[in-house]
Amino acid sequence: MQTIPAACELAGTLFFVQLVINLLTRVMIWFPGAYGASNTFYQLNDWWFFCGGCCGMLGMPLYNIVITVDASEAATKWLPKEFEVQFLARATFCFFARASWPTCTV
């Protein structure tokens, strides 16, 4: 069983990894790839693929933006808590151990 500070640290780490993966796949890879594909279809005069790609590229960016914003909000919600919980856990331990603050280590 994990303690509360360890669980919050794990949650903060997971949300940070989620943010990095979403930014990488949904912004840095997908948008240039979609532009490159539509540009290729346009240059090859392949209008069926170009029109189909444009229809697909209307909805997918909205979904990518929603997922990226959600991951960003989750990261901004949990990352500060990780540091706050670590500080409070250290302060509580030092208080109950009756140790002085600068010399107290957890």
N, C-alpha and C. Protein backbone atom coordinates (compact mmCIF):
# COMPACT_ATOMS: atom_id res chain seq x y z
N MET A 1 0.84 -1.19 0.00
CA MET A 1 0.00 0.00 0.00
C MET A 1 0.88 1.25 0.00
N GLN A 2 0.55 2.20 -0.84
CA GLN A 2 1.36 3.40 -0.94
C GLN A 2 0.86 4.46 0.03
N THR A 3 1.78 5.29 0.46
CA THR A 3 1.39 6.42 1.28
C THR A 3 0.85 7.52 0.39
N ILE A 4 0.20 8.49 0.99
CA ILE A 4 -0.41 9.57 0.21
C ILE A 4 0.63 10.38 -0.56
N PRO A 5 1.77 10.77 0.03
CA PRO A 5 2.76 11.50 -0.78
C PRO A 5 3.29 10.69 -1.95
N ALA A 6 3.50 9.38 -1.74
CA ALA A 6 3.99 8.56 -2.85
C ALA A 6 2.94 8.44 -3.94
N ALA A 7 1.67 8.33 -3.55
CA ALA A 7 0.60 8.24 -4.54
C ALA A 7 0.47 9.53 -5.32
N CYS A 8 0.59 10.66 -4.66
CA CYS A 8 0.51 11.95 -5.36
C CYS A 8 1.71 12.15 -6.27
N GLU A 9 2.87 11.69 -5.84
CA GLU A 9 4.05 11.80 -6.70
C GLU A 9 3.88 10.94 -7.94
N LEU A 10 3.33 9.74 -7.77
CA LEU A 10 3.06 8.87 -8.91
C LEU A 10 2.03 9.49 -9.84
N ALA A 11 0.96 10.07 -9.28
CA ALA A 11 -0.06 10.71 -10.10
C ALA A 11 0.52 11.88 -10.88
N GLY A 12 1.35 12.69 -10.23
CA GLY A 12 1.97 13.81 -10.93
C GLY A 12 2.87 13.35 -12.05
N THR A 13 3.60 12.28 -11.82
CA THR A 13 4.47 11.73 -12.86
C THR A 13 3.66 11.20 -14.02
N LEU A 14 2.58 10.50 -13.72
CA LEU A 14 1.73 9.96 -14.79
C LEU A 14 1.09 11.06 -15.62
N PHE A 15 0.63 12.11 -14.98
CA PHE A 15 0.02 13.21 -15.73
C PHE A 15 1.05 13.96 -16.56
N PHE A 16 2.28 14.06 -16.07
CA PHE A 16 3.34 14.69 -16.86
C PHE A 16 3.67 13.85 -18.09
N VAL A 17 3.76 12.53 -17.91
CA VAL A 17 4.03 11.64 -19.05
C VAL A 17 2.89 11.72 -20.06
N GLN A 18 1.64 11.77 -19.56
CA GLN A 18 0.48 11.90 -20.44
C GLN A 18 0.56 13.19 -21.25
N LEU A 19 0.93 14.27 -20.62
CA LEU A 19 1.05 15.56 -21.32
C LEU A 19 2.13 15.49 -22.41
N VAL A 20 3.28 14.94 -22.09
CA VAL A 20 4.37 14.87 -23.06
C VAL A 20 3.99 13.99 -24.25
N ILE A 21 3.40 12.83 -23.98
CA ILE A 21 3.01 11.92 -25.06
C ILE A 21 1.93 12.55 -25.94
N ASN A 22 0.94 13.21 -25.34
CA ASN A 22 -0.12 13.85 -26.13
C ASN A 22 0.43 14.99 -26.97
N LEU A 23 1.31 15.80 -26.40
CA LEU A 23 1.89 16.89 -27.19
C LEU A 23 2.73 16.35 -28.35
N LEU A 24 3.47 15.30 -28.07
CA LEU A 24 4.32 14.72 -29.12
C LEU A 24 3.48 14.13 -30.25
N THR A 25 2.53 13.27 -29.91
CA THR A 25 1.80 12.55 -30.95
C THR A 25 0.72 13.39 -31.61
N ARG A 26 0.03 14.20 -30.84
CA ARG A 26 -1.14 14.90 -31.38
C ARG A 26 -0.81 16.27 -31.96
N VAL A 27 0.30 16.84 -31.59
CA VAL A 27 0.65 18.17 -32.11
C VAL A 27 1.87 18.10 -33.01
N MET A 28 2.97 17.55 -32.50
CA MET A 28 4.22 17.60 -33.24
C MET A 28 4.31 16.58 -34.36
N ILE A 29 3.57 15.50 -34.29
CA ILE A 29 3.61 14.49 -35.34
C ILE A 29 2.38 14.59 -36.25
N TRP A 30 1.18 14.70 -35.66
CA TRP A 30 -0.04 14.60 -36.46
C TRP A 30 -0.23 15.81 -37.38
N PHE A 31 -0.10 17.02 -36.90
CA PHE A 31 -0.36 18.20 -37.73
C PHE A 31 0.58 18.30 -38.93
N PRO A 32 1.90 18.14 -38.76
CA PRO A 32 2.76 18.15 -39.96
C PRO A 32 2.47 16.98 -40.90
N GLY A 33 2.13 15.82 -40.34
CA GLY A 33 1.80 14.66 -41.18
C GLY A 33 0.53 14.88 -41.99
N ALA A 34 -0.47 15.48 -41.36
CA ALA A 34 -1.73 15.76 -42.06
C ALA A 34 -1.50 16.78 -43.17
N TYR A 35 -0.71 17.79 -42.88
CA TYR A 35 -0.41 18.79 -43.91
C TYR A 35 0.37 18.16 -45.07
N GLY A 36 1.33 17.33 -44.75
CA GLY A 36 2.13 16.67 -45.79
C GLY A 36 1.29 15.75 -46.66
N ALA A 37 0.37 15.00 -46.03
CA ALA A 37 -0.49 14.11 -46.80
C ALA A 37 -1.42 14.89 -47.71
N SER A 38 -2.06 15.93 -47.18
CA SER A 38 -2.97 16.71 -48.02
C SER A 38 -2.21 17.43 -49.14
N ASN A 39 -1.03 17.90 -48.87
CA ASN A 39 -0.22 18.55 -49.89
C ASN A 39 0.18 17.56 -50.99
N THR A 40 0.52 16.33 -50.60
CA THR A 40 0.87 15.30 -51.57
C THR A 40 -0.32 14.95 -52.46
N PHE A 41 -1.48 14.76 -51.85
CA PHE A 41 -2.68 14.45 -52.64
C PHE A 41 -3.02 15.58 -53.60
N TYR A 42 -2.83 16.83 -53.14
CA TYR A 42 -3.12 17.97 -54.00
C TYR A 42 -2.14 18.03 -55.18
N GLN A 43 -0.86 17.81 -54.91
CA GLN A 43 0.14 17.88 -55.98
C GLN A 43 -0.02 16.74 -56.99
N LEU A 44 -0.52 15.58 -56.54
CA LEU A 44 -0.73 14.45 -57.45
C LEU A 44 -2.07 14.52 -58.17
N ASN A 45 -2.84 15.56 -57.90
CA ASN A 45 -4.19 15.72 -58.46
C ASN A 45 -5.07 14.51 -58.16
N ASP A 46 -4.91 13.93 -57.00
CA ASP A 46 -5.73 12.81 -56.55
C ASP A 46 -6.87 13.39 -55.71
N TRP A 47 -7.92 13.83 -56.41
CA TRP A 47 -8.97 14.60 -55.77
C TRP A 47 -9.83 13.77 -54.82
N TRP A 48 -9.97 12.48 -55.07
CA TRP A 48 -10.76 11.64 -54.16
C TRP A 48 -10.07 11.56 -52.80
N PHE A 49 -8.79 11.29 -52.80
CA PHE A 49 -8.06 11.23 -51.53
C PHE A 49 -7.95 12.62 -50.90
N PHE A 50 -7.78 13.65 -51.73
CA PHE A 50 -7.67 15.00 -51.19
C PHE A 50 -8.97 15.41 -50.50
N CYS A 51 -10.10 15.18 -51.15
CA CYS A 51 -11.39 15.55 -50.54
C CYS A 51 -11.69 14.70 -49.30
N GLY A 52 -11.40 13.41 -49.38
CA GLY A 52 -11.60 12.55 -48.21
C GLY A 52 -10.69 12.96 -47.05
N GLY A 53 -9.45 13.29 -47.38
CA GLY A 53 -8.53 13.74 -46.34
C GLY A 53 -8.95 15.05 -45.72
N CYS A 54 -9.47 15.95 -46.54
CA CYS A 54 -9.95 17.23 -45.99
C CYS A 54 -11.13 17.03 -45.05
N CYS A 55 -12.03 16.12 -45.43
CA CYS A 55 -13.16 15.83 -44.54
C CYS A 55 -12.68 15.24 -43.22
N GLY A 56 -11.74 14.31 -43.29
CA GLY A 56 -11.21 13.72 -42.07
C GLY A 56 -10.39 14.70 -41.25
N MET A 57 -9.74 15.62 -41.95
CA MET A 57 -8.90 16.59 -41.25
C MET A 57 -9.69 17.76 -40.67
N LEU A 58 -10.98 17.79 -40.89
CA LEU A 58 -11.80 18.81 -40.24
C LEU A 58 -12.12 18.42 -38.80
N GLY A 59 -12.38 17.14 -38.57
CA GLY A 59 -12.76 16.71 -37.23
C GLY A 59 -11.60 16.31 -36.35
N MET A 60 -10.61 15.69 -36.91
CA MET A 60 -9.50 15.18 -36.11
C MET A 60 -8.70 16.28 -35.40
N PRO A 61 -8.43 17.43 -36.00
CA PRO A 61 -7.73 18.47 -35.24
C PRO A 61 -8.51 18.95 -34.03
N LEU A 62 -9.83 19.01 -34.14
CA LEU A 62 -10.63 19.42 -32.98
C LEU A 62 -10.48 18.41 -31.85
N TYR A 63 -10.52 17.14 -32.19
CA TYR A 63 -10.34 16.09 -31.20
C TYR A 63 -8.93 16.18 -30.58
N ASN A 64 -7.91 16.37 -31.42
CA ASN A 64 -6.54 16.48 -30.91
C ASN A 64 -6.39 17.68 -29.98
N ILE A 65 -7.00 18.79 -30.32
CA ILE A 65 -6.91 19.98 -29.48
C ILE A 65 -7.60 19.75 -28.14
N VAL A 66 -8.78 19.12 -28.16
CA VAL A 66 -9.50 18.84 -26.91
C VAL A 66 -8.68 17.91 -26.01
N ILE A 67 -8.10 16.86 -26.57
CA ILE A 67 -7.29 15.93 -25.78
C ILE A 67 -6.04 16.62 -25.23
N THR A 68 -5.40 17.45 -26.02
CA THR A 68 -4.19 18.15 -25.57
C THR A 68 -4.52 19.16 -24.47
N VAL A 69 -5.62 19.88 -24.61
CA VAL A 69 -6.03 20.83 -23.56
C VAL A 69 -6.37 20.08 -22.28
N ASP A 70 -7.06 18.95 -22.39
CA ASP A 70 -7.39 18.15 -21.22
C ASP A 70 -6.14 17.65 -20.51
N ALA A 71 -5.17 17.18 -21.26
CA ALA A 71 -3.92 16.71 -20.66
C ALA A 71 -3.16 17.87 -20.00
N SER A 72 -3.21 19.05 -20.61
CA SER A 72 -2.54 20.22 -20.03
C SER A 72 -3.21 20.65 -18.73
N GLU A 73 -4.54 20.64 -18.71
CA GLU A 73 -5.26 21.00 -17.49
C GLU A 73 -5.00 19.99 -16.38
N ALA A 74 -4.95 18.71 -16.72
CA ALA A 74 -4.67 17.69 -15.71
C ALA A 74 -3.26 17.86 -15.15
N ALA A 75 -2.31 18.17 -16.01
CA ALA A 75 -0.93 18.36 -15.54
C ALA A 75 -0.82 19.59 -14.65
N THR A 76 -1.48 20.68 -15.02
CA THR A 76 -1.41 21.88 -14.18
C THR A 76 -2.16 21.68 -12.87
N LYS A 77 -3.10 20.77 -12.85
CA LYS A 77 -3.83 20.49 -11.61
C LYS A 77 -3.00 19.63 -10.66
N TRP A 78 -2.29 18.63 -11.19
CA TRP A 78 -1.62 17.66 -10.34
C TRP A 78 -0.16 17.97 -10.05
N LEU A 79 0.56 18.60 -10.95
CA LEU A 79 1.98 18.84 -10.71
C LEU A 79 2.24 19.73 -9.50
N PRO A 80 1.49 20.83 -9.29
CA PRO A 80 1.72 21.61 -8.07
C PRO A 80 1.40 20.83 -6.79
N LYS A 81 0.41 19.93 -6.83
CA LYS A 81 0.05 19.16 -5.64
C LYS A 81 1.18 18.24 -5.22
N GLU A 82 1.92 17.74 -6.18
CA GLU A 82 3.03 16.85 -5.85
C GLU A 82 4.03 17.55 -4.93
N PHE A 83 4.39 18.78 -5.25
CA PHE A 83 5.35 19.52 -4.45
C PHE A 83 4.74 19.95 -3.12
N GLU A 84 3.44 20.32 -3.15
CA GLU A 84 2.76 20.73 -1.93
C GLU A 84 2.66 19.57 -0.95
N VAL A 85 2.32 18.40 -1.44
CA VAL A 85 2.19 17.23 -0.57
C VAL A 85 3.55 16.84 0.00
N GLN A 86 4.60 16.90 -0.80
CA GLN A 86 5.94 16.57 -0.30
C GLN A 86 6.34 17.54 0.81
N PHE A 87 6.05 18.82 0.65
CA PHE A 87 6.38 19.81 1.66
C PHE A 87 5.59 19.56 2.94
N LEU A 88 4.28 19.30 2.80
CA LEU A 88 3.46 19.06 3.98
C LEU A 88 3.85 17.76 4.68
N ALA A 89 4.21 16.74 3.92
CA ALA A 89 4.61 15.48 4.53
C ALA A 89 5.89 15.67 5.33
N ARG A 90 6.82 16.43 4.79
CA ARG A 90 8.08 16.68 5.50
C ARG A 90 7.83 17.50 6.75
N ALA A 91 7.00 18.52 6.64
CA ALA A 91 6.71 19.36 7.80
C ALA A 91 5.99 18.56 8.88
N THR A 92 5.06 17.70 8.52
CA THR A 92 4.34 16.88 9.49
C THR A 92 5.29 15.90 10.17
N PHE A 93 6.15 15.25 9.40
CA PHE A 93 7.09 14.31 9.97
C PHE A 93 8.02 15.01 10.97
N CYS A 94 8.53 16.16 10.58
CA CYS A 94 9.45 16.89 11.45
C CYS A 94 8.74 17.37 12.71
N PHE A 95 7.47 17.74 12.58
CA PHE A 95 6.72 18.19 13.76
C PHE A 95 6.54 17.05 14.75
N PHE A 96 6.11 15.90 14.27
CA PHE A 96 5.87 14.78 15.17
C PHE A 96 7.17 14.14 15.65
N ALA A 97 8.23 14.26 14.91
CA ALA A 97 9.52 13.74 15.35
C ALA A 97 10.21 14.72 16.29
N ARG A 98 9.62 15.91 16.47
CA ARG A 98 10.17 16.96 17.33
C ARG A 98 11.58 17.36 16.89
N ALA A 99 11.81 17.32 15.60
CA ALA A 99 13.13 17.69 15.08
C ALA A 99 13.07 19.12 14.60
N SER A 100 14.21 19.77 14.61
CA SER A 100 14.25 21.13 14.09
C SER A 100 14.15 21.09 12.57
N TRP A 101 13.56 22.10 12.01
CA TRP A 101 13.25 22.11 10.57
C TRP A 101 14.47 21.98 9.67
N PRO A 102 15.54 22.76 9.84
CA PRO A 102 16.66 22.66 8.89
C PRO A 102 17.37 21.30 8.94
N THR A 103 17.42 20.68 10.12
CA THR A 103 18.16 19.42 10.21
C THR A 103 17.29 18.20 10.00
N CYS A 104 16.00 18.39 9.89
CA CYS A 104 15.08 17.27 9.75
C CYS A 104 15.12 16.74 8.32
N THR A 105 15.35 15.44 8.18
CA THR A 105 15.31 14.81 6.85
C THR A 105 14.30 13.69 6.89
N VAL A 106 13.62 13.55 5.79
CA VAL A 106 12.58 12.50 5.70
C VAL A 106 13.10 11.37 4.88
